[in-house]
C-alpha atoms as a PDB file:
ATOM      1  CA  ALA A   1      35.552  15.483 -32.348  1.00  0.00           C
ATOM      2  CA  THR A   2      32.335  13.490 -32.368  1.00  0.00           C
ATOM      3  CA  SER A   3      29.945  13.274 -35.174  1.00  0.00           C
ATOM      4  CA  GLY A   4      26.700  13.258 -33.105  1.00  0.00           C
ATOM      5  CA  VAL A   5      23.791  10.900 -33.067  1.00  0.00           C
ATOM      6  CA  ASN A   6      21.537  10.369 -36.162  1.00  0.00           C
ATOM      7  CA  MET A   7      18.206   9.926 -34.395  1.00  0.00           C
ATOM      8  CA  ALA A   8      16.563   9.100 -37.732  1.00  0.00           C
ATOM      9  CA  THR A   9      18.332   5.637 -37.459  1.00  0.00           C
ATOM     10  CA  ARG A  10      16.916   4.818 -33.955  1.00  0.00           C
ATOM     11  CA  ASN A  11      15.100   1.542 -33.624  1.00  0.00           C
ATOM     12  CA  MET A  12      13.509   0.143 -30.483  1.00  0.00           C
ATOM     13  CA  VAL A  13      11.915  -3.311 -30.176  1.00  0.00           C
ATOM     14  CA  LEU A  14       9.775  -4.322 -27.179  1.00  0.00           C
ATOM     15  CA  ASP A  15       8.879  -7.917 -26.795  1.00  0.00           C
ATOM     16  CA  GLY A  16       9.684  -8.541 -30.484  1.00  0.00           C
ATOM     17  CA  ALA A  17       7.680  -5.767 -31.914  1.00  0.00           C
ATOM     18  CA  PRO A  18       9.054  -2.388 -33.132  1.00  0.00           C
ATOM     19  CA  VAL A  19       7.693   0.600 -31.089  1.00  0.00           C
ATOM     20  CA  ALA A  20       7.635   4.303 -32.036  1.00  0.00           C
ATOM     21  CA  SER A  21      10.050   6.004 -29.647  1.00  0.00           C
ATOM     22  CA  THR A  22      10.229   9.759 -28.969  1.00  0.00           C
ATOM     23  CA  VAL A  23      13.498  11.841 -28.887  1.00  0.00           C
ATOM     24  CA  SER A  24      14.723  14.057 -25.961  1.00  0.00           C
ATOM     25  CA  GLY A  25      18.120  15.432 -26.608  1.00  0.00           C
ATOM     26  CA  ASN A  26      20.493  12.619 -27.234  1.00  0.00           C
ATOM     27  CA  GLU A  27      17.982   9.983 -25.785  1.00  0.00           C
ATOM     28  CA  PHE A  28      15.116   8.165 -27.299  1.00  0.00           C
ATOM     29  CA  ARG A  29      12.293   6.690 -25.193  1.00  0.00           C
ATOM     30  CA  PHE A  30       9.102   4.701 -25.393  1.00  0.00           C
ATOM     31  CA  THR A  31       6.196   4.972 -23.029  1.00  0.00           C
ATOM     32  CA  PRO A  32       3.469   2.332 -23.575  1.00  0.00           C
ATOM     33  CA  SER A  33      -0.089   3.748 -23.973  1.00  0.00           C
ATOM     34  CA  SER A  34      -1.397   1.117 -21.579  1.00  0.00           C
ATOM     35  CA  ASP A  35       0.168  -0.906 -18.785  1.00  0.00           C
ATOM     36  CA  LEU A  36       2.217  -3.875 -19.882  1.00  0.00           C
ATOM     37  CA  ALA A  37       1.213  -7.273 -18.707  1.00  0.00           C
ATOM     38  CA  GLU A  38       2.713  -8.638 -15.612  1.00  0.00           C
ATOM     39  CA  GLY A  39       5.743 -11.016 -16.249  1.00  0.00           C
ATOM     40  CA  GLN A  40       8.962 -10.816 -18.243  1.00  0.00           C
ATOM     41  CA  HIS A  41       9.616  -8.482 -21.041  1.00  0.00           C
ATOM     42  CA  THR A  42      12.545  -7.849 -23.485  1.00  0.00           C
ATOM     43  CA  VAL A  43      13.690  -4.549 -25.056  1.00  0.00           C
ATOM     44  CA  THR A  44      16.461  -3.972 -27.662  1.00  0.00           C
ATOM     45  CA  ALA A  45      17.507  -0.663 -29.259  1.00  0.00           C
ATOM     46  CA  THR A  46      19.945   0.549 -31.863  1.00  0.00           C
ATOM     47  CA  ALA A  47      20.996   3.916 -33.336  1.00  0.00           C
ATOM     48  CA  ALA A  48      23.819   5.199 -35.544  1.00  0.00           C
ATOM     49  CA  ASP A  49      26.001   8.389 -35.341  1.00  0.00           C
ATOM     50  CA  LEU A  50      26.308  10.755 -38.290  1.00  0.00           C
ATOM     51  CA  ALA A  51      29.272   8.847 -39.558  1.00  0.00           C
ATOM     52  CA  GLY A  52      27.318   5.763 -39.779  1.00  0.00           C
ATOM     53  CA  ASN A  53      28.651   3.808 -36.726  1.00  0.00           C
ATOM     54  CA  THR A  54      25.898   1.778 -35.157  1.00  0.00           C
ATOM     55  CA  GLY A  55      25.599   1.147 -31.481  1.00  0.00           C
ATOM     56  CA  ALA A  56      23.293  -1.466 -29.936  1.00  0.00           C
ATOM     57  CA  LEU A  57      21.646  -2.314 -26.715  1.00  0.00           C
ATOM     58  CA  GLY A  58      21.420  -6.083 -26.658  1.00  0.00           C
ATOM     59  CA  ALA A  59      18.323  -7.752 -25.411  1.00  0.00           C
ATOM     60  CA  THR A  60      17.651  -6.551 -21.909  1.00  0.00           C
ATOM     61  CA  SER A  61      14.987  -8.303 -19.862  1.00  0.00           C
ATOM     62  CA  PHE A  62      12.862  -6.800 -17.195  1.00  0.00           C
ATOM     63  CA  GLY A  63       9.877  -7.959 -15.121  1.00  0.00           C
ATOM     64  CA  LEU A  64       6.620  -6.342 -14.115  1.00  0.00           C
ATOM     65  CA  ASP A  65       5.023  -7.599 -10.853  1.00  0.00           C
ATOM     66  CA  ALA A  66       2.022  -5.651  -9.431  1.00  0.00           C
ATOM     67  CA  THR A  67       0.587  -8.583  -7.495  1.00  0.00           C
ATOM     68  CA  ALA A  68       1.364  -8.997  -3.771  1.00  0.00           C
ATOM     69  CA  PRO A  69       2.606 -12.280  -2.473  1.00  0.00           C
ATOM     70  CA  SER A  70       0.223 -14.730  -0.645  1.00  0.00           C
ATOM     71  CA  VAL A  71      -0.639 -13.988   3.081  1.00  0.00           C
ATOM     72  CA  PRO A  72       2.123 -15.628   5.028  1.00  0.00           C
ATOM     73  CA  VAL A  73       1.569 -18.516   7.432  1.00  0.00           C
ATOM     74  CA  LEU A  74       3.765 -18.653  10.504  1.00  0.00           C
ATOM     75  CA  SER A  75       5.233 -21.778  12.043  1.00  0.00           C
ATOM     76  CA  ILE A  76       4.011 -20.904  15.470  1.00  0.00           C
ATOM     77  CA  THR A  77       0.490 -22.079  16.246  1.00  0.00           C
ATOM     78  CA  GLU A  78      -2.616 -20.904  17.983  1.00  0.00           C
ATOM     79  CA  GLY A  79      -2.345 -21.421  21.772  1.00  0.00           C
ATOM     80  CA  GLN A  80       1.286 -22.629  21.666  1.00  0.00           C
ATOM     81  CA  THR A  81       3.466 -22.075  24.816  1.00  0.00           C
ATOM     82  CA  LEU A  82       6.883 -20.922  23.932  1.00  0.00           C
ATOM     83  CA  ALA A  83      10.080 -20.659  26.020  1.00  0.00           C
ATOM     84  CA  GLY A  84      13.759 -19.726  25.380  1.00  0.00           C
ATOM     85  CA  THR A  85      15.076 -19.433  21.961  1.00  0.00           C
ATOM     86  CA  VAL A  86      12.596 -20.779  19.371  1.00  0.00           C
ATOM     87  CA  ALA A  87      12.912 -21.349  15.619  1.00  0.00           C
ATOM     88  CA  ILE A  88      10.348 -19.413  13.610  1.00  0.00           C
ATOM     89  CA  TRP A  89       9.628 -19.482  10.016  1.00  0.00           C
ATOM     90  CA  ALA A  90       6.925 -18.509   7.472  1.00  0.00           C
ATOM     91  CA  THR A  91       5.577 -19.677   4.123  1.00  0.00           C
ATOM     92  CA  SER A  92       4.493 -17.452   1.411  1.00  0.00           C
ATOM     93  CA  THR A  93       4.545 -17.589  -2.420  1.00  0.00           C
ATOM     94  CA  ASP A  94       4.926 -15.048  -5.253  1.00  0.00           C
ATOM     95  CA  PRO A  95       5.209 -16.629  -8.785  1.00  0.00           C
ATOM     96  CA  LEU A  96       6.422 -13.385 -10.418  1.00  0.00           C
ATOM     97  CA  SER A  97       9.203 -11.843  -8.650  1.00  0.00           C
ATOM     98  CA  GLY A  98       9.462 -14.053  -5.668  1.00  0.00           C
ATOM     99  CA  VAL A  99       9.140 -13.359  -1.887  1.00  0.00           C
ATOM    100  CA  SER A 100      11.846 -11.109  -0.617  1.00  0.00           C
ATOM    101  CA  TYR A 101      11.069 -11.198   3.228  1.00  0.00           C
ATOM    102  CA  VAL A 102       8.324 -11.680   5.819  1.00  0.00           C
ATOM    103  CA  ASP A 103       7.959  -9.181   8.683  1.00  0.00           C
ATOM    104  CA  VAL A 104       6.629 -10.600  11.944  1.00  0.00           C
ATOM    105  CA  TYR A 105       4.746  -8.313  14.385  1.00  0.00           C
ATOM    106  CA  ARG A 106       4.114  -8.874  18.149  1.00  0.00           C
ATOM    107  CA  ASN A 107       1.019  -7.082  19.443  1.00  0.00           C
ATOM    108  CA  GLY A 108       1.130  -4.755  16.448  1.00  0.00           C
ATOM    109  CA  SER A 109       4.800  -3.818  16.788  1.00  0.00           C
ATOM    110  CA  PHE A 110       7.609  -5.028  14.553  1.00  0.00           C
ATOM    111  CA  LEU A 111       9.427  -8.139  16.086  1.00  0.00           C
ATOM    112  CA  THR A 112      11.649  -9.567  13.347  1.00  0.00           C
ATOM    113  CA  ARG A 113      12.307  -9.901   9.638  1.00  0.00           C
ATOM    114  CA  LEU A 114      12.553 -13.469   8.061  1.00  0.00           C
ATOM    115  CA  ASN A 115      14.538 -13.095   4.687  1.00  0.00           C
ATOM    116  CA  ALA A 116      14.437 -15.205   1.583  1.00  0.00           C
ATOM    117  CA  PRO A 117      15.318 -17.772   0.599  1.00  0.00           C
ATOM    118  CA  SER A 118      14.577 -19.608   3.915  1.00  0.00           C
ATOM    119  CA  LEU A 119      12.146 -17.078   5.424  1.00  0.00           C
ATOM    120  CA  ALA A 120      13.401 -18.579   8.767  1.00  0.00           C
ATOM    121  CA  GLY A 121      15.267 -17.373  11.914  1.00  0.00           C
ATOM    122  CA  THR A 122      15.293 -17.682  15.679  1.00  0.00           C
ATOM    123  CA  TRP A 123      13.697 -15.652  18.324  1.00  0.00           C
ATOM    124  CA  ASN A 124      14.644 -15.317  21.970  1.00  0.00           C
ATOM    125  CA  THR A 125      11.409 -15.304  23.882  1.00  0.00           C
ATOM    126  CA  ALA A 126      13.175 -14.259  27.022  1.00  0.00           C
ATOM    127  CA  THR A 127      13.066 -10.685  25.688  1.00  0.00           C
ATOM    128  CA  LEU A 128       9.382 -10.596  26.476  1.00  0.00           C
ATOM    129  CA  ALA A 129       7.473 -10.693  29.654  1.00  0.00           C
ATOM    130  CA  ASP A 130       5.619 -13.984  30.409  1.00  0.00           C
ATOM    131  CA  GLY A 131       2.060 -14.020  29.366  1.00  0.00           C
ATOM    132  CA  PRO A 132      -0.130 -13.873  26.222  1.00  0.00           C
ATOM    133  CA  TRP A 133       1.135 -12.235  22.942  1.00  0.00           C
ATOM    134  CA  THR A 134      -0.407 -11.927  19.502  1.00  0.00           C
ATOM    135  CA  HIS A 135       1.544 -12.382  16.366  1.00  0.00           C
ATOM    136  CA  THR A 136       0.862 -11.372  12.718  1.00  0.00           C
ATOM    137  CA  ALA A 137       3.100 -11.372   9.678  1.00  0.00           C
ATOM    138  CA  ARG A 138       3.066  -9.849   6.165  1.00  0.00           C
ATOM    139  CA  ALA A 139       5.165 -10.741   3.153  1.00  0.00           C
ATOM    140  CA  THR A 140       6.851  -8.320   0.618  1.00  0.00           C
ATOM    141  CA  ASP A 141       8.049  -9.546  -2.849  1.00  0.00           C
ATOM    142  CA  VAL A 142      11.190  -8.462  -4.802  1.00  0.00           C
ATOM    143  CA  ALA A 143       9.167  -5.880  -6.593  1.00  0.00           C
ATOM    144  CA  GLY A 144       8.046  -4.228  -3.318  1.00  0.00           C
ATOM    145  CA  ASN A 145       4.299  -5.491  -3.240  1.00  0.00           C
ATOM    146  CA  THR A 146       3.216  -6.225   0.274  1.00  0.00           C
ATOM    147  CA  SER A 147       0.538  -8.843   1.315  1.00  0.00           C
ATOM    148  CA  ALA A 148      -2.260  -8.308   3.794  1.00  0.00           C
ATOM    149  CA  PHE A 149      -1.556  -9.244   7.342  1.00  0.00           C
ATOM    150  CA  SER A 150      -1.925 -12.821   8.343  1.00  0.00           C
ATOM    151  CA  ALA A 151      -4.510 -13.969  10.863  1.00  0.00           C
ATOM    152  CA  PRO A 152      -3.492 -13.381  14.407  1.00  0.00           C
ATOM    153  CA  VAL A 153      -1.705 -16.310  16.214  1.00  0.00           C
ATOM    154  CA  ASN A 154      -2.047 -16.137  19.926  1.00  0.00           C
ATOM    155  CA  VAL A 155       0.843 -17.666  21.985  1.00  0.00           C
ATOM    156  CA  VAL A 156       1.842 -17.730  25.612  1.00  0.00           C
ATOM    157  CA  ILE A 157       5.444 -17.020  26.607  1.00  0.00           C
ATOM    158  CA  ASP A 158       6.552 -18.791  29.790  1.00  0.00           C
ATOM    159  CA  ASN A 159      10.244 -18.624  30.638  1.00  0.00           C
ATOM    160  CA  HIS A 160       9.942 -19.183  34.412  1.00  0.00           C
ATOM    161  CA  PRO A 161       9.915 -22.592  35.771  1.00  0.00           C
ATOM    162  CA  LEU A 162       7.122 -23.798  37.928  1.00  0.00           C
ATOM    163  CA  THR A 163       8.072 -24.049  41.567  1.00  0.00           C
ATOM    164  CA  VAL A 164       6.309 -26.673  43.687  1.00  0.00           C
ATOM    165  CA  THR A 165       6.452 -26.604  47.526  1.00  0.00           C
ATOM    166  CA  ILE A 166       4.986 -29.581  49.403  1.00  0.00           C
ATOM    167  CA  THR A 167       2.874 -28.109  52.206  1.00  0.00           C
ATOM    168  CA  SER A 168       1.284 -31.370  53.588  1.00  0.00           C
ATOM    169  CA  PRO A 169       2.330 -33.677  55.059  1.00  0.00           C
ATOM    170  CA  VAL A 170       5.122 -31.859  56.754  1.00  0.00           C
ATOM    171  CA  THR A 171       8.755 -33.002  56.691  1.00  0.00           C
ATOM    172  CA  ASN A 172       9.463 -36.092  58.758  1.00  0.00           C
ATOM    173  CA  PHE A 173       5.738 -36.620  59.570  1.00  0.00           C
ATOM    174  CA  ARG A 174       5.014 -40.325  60.318  1.00  0.00           C
ATOM    175  CA  THR A 175       1.626 -41.938  60.622  1.00  0.00           C
ATOM    176  CA  ARG A 176       0.002 -45.301  60.045  1.00  0.00           C
ATOM    177  CA  PHE A 177      -3.237 -43.596  58.692  1.00  0.00           C
ATOM    178  CA  PRO A 178      -3.854 -42.276  55.174  1.00  0.00           C
ATOM    179  CA  VAL A 179      -2.774 -38.540  54.875  1.00  0.00           C
ATOM    180  CA  ALA A 180      -3.946 -35.970  52.445  1.00  0.00           C
ATOM    181  CA  GLY A 181      -1.263 -34.135  50.578  1.00  0.00           C
ATOM    182  CA  GLY A 182      -0.962 -30.594  49.387  1.00  0.00           C
ATOM    183  CA  ALA A 183       1.318 -28.297  47.501  1.00  0.00           C
ATOM    184  CA  THR A 184       1.723 -24.769  46.440  1.00  0.00           C
ATOM    185  CA  VAL A 185       3.076 -23.646  43.086  1.00  0.00           C
ATOM    186  CA  GLY A 186       4.976 -20.547  42.001  1.00  0.00           C
ATOM    187  CA  GLU A 187       2.540 -19.224  39.488  1.00  0.00           C
ATOM    188  CA  PRO A 188      -0.681 -17.487  40.385  1.00  0.00           C
ATOM    189  CA  GLY A 189      -3.958 -19.199  39.893  1.00  0.00           C
ATOM    190  CA  ALA A 190      -2.379 -22.668  39.830  1.00  0.00           C
ATOM    191  CA  GLY A 191      -2.661 -25.452  42.222  1.00  0.00           C
ATOM    192  CA  VAL A 192      -1.439 -29.021  42.551  1.00  0.00           C
ATOM    193  CA  GLY A 193      -3.163 -31.791  44.518  1.00  0.00           C
ATOM    194  CA  LEU A 194      -1.440 -34.968  45.647  1.00  0.00           C
END
């Protein structure tokens, strides 16, 4: 048989100061009257049973973090042309709980997640159609706080090689006079002069 808990012996200490706990069944609890400061906190607790045996909760630490991490900065740059598989990474800081991951978005839709500690990964640009794309990112810390979106970064995806066809002079053309050259290219709106 058990003797039961003597709640009169309960003691709880938060950050080195005793606090007035309340009893609910065989539990005792403490709810601060105001929010605790951000950062690390320590709590200890003891209680005895009716036979006088004492149980203790050793120092247990927990952290409070209500501040979002810094807005991330992506490794890709405004106006950059990308092709094939590219390395992508982000930088963001969070001094309290640390950055957990950065989510990258393409034209407003989720693209990839860059996990801590490196906040880096690779991305196969061949999964996208060639052309302009806008990328943003936001960071989330270990406590679940999420930053604002980064400024948009506009890039151009170009995975198709440029094809050039010489149109002038024609093959095997021979002359002793100067000749104008010409070519066509395989992308619309482009031209090459010789």
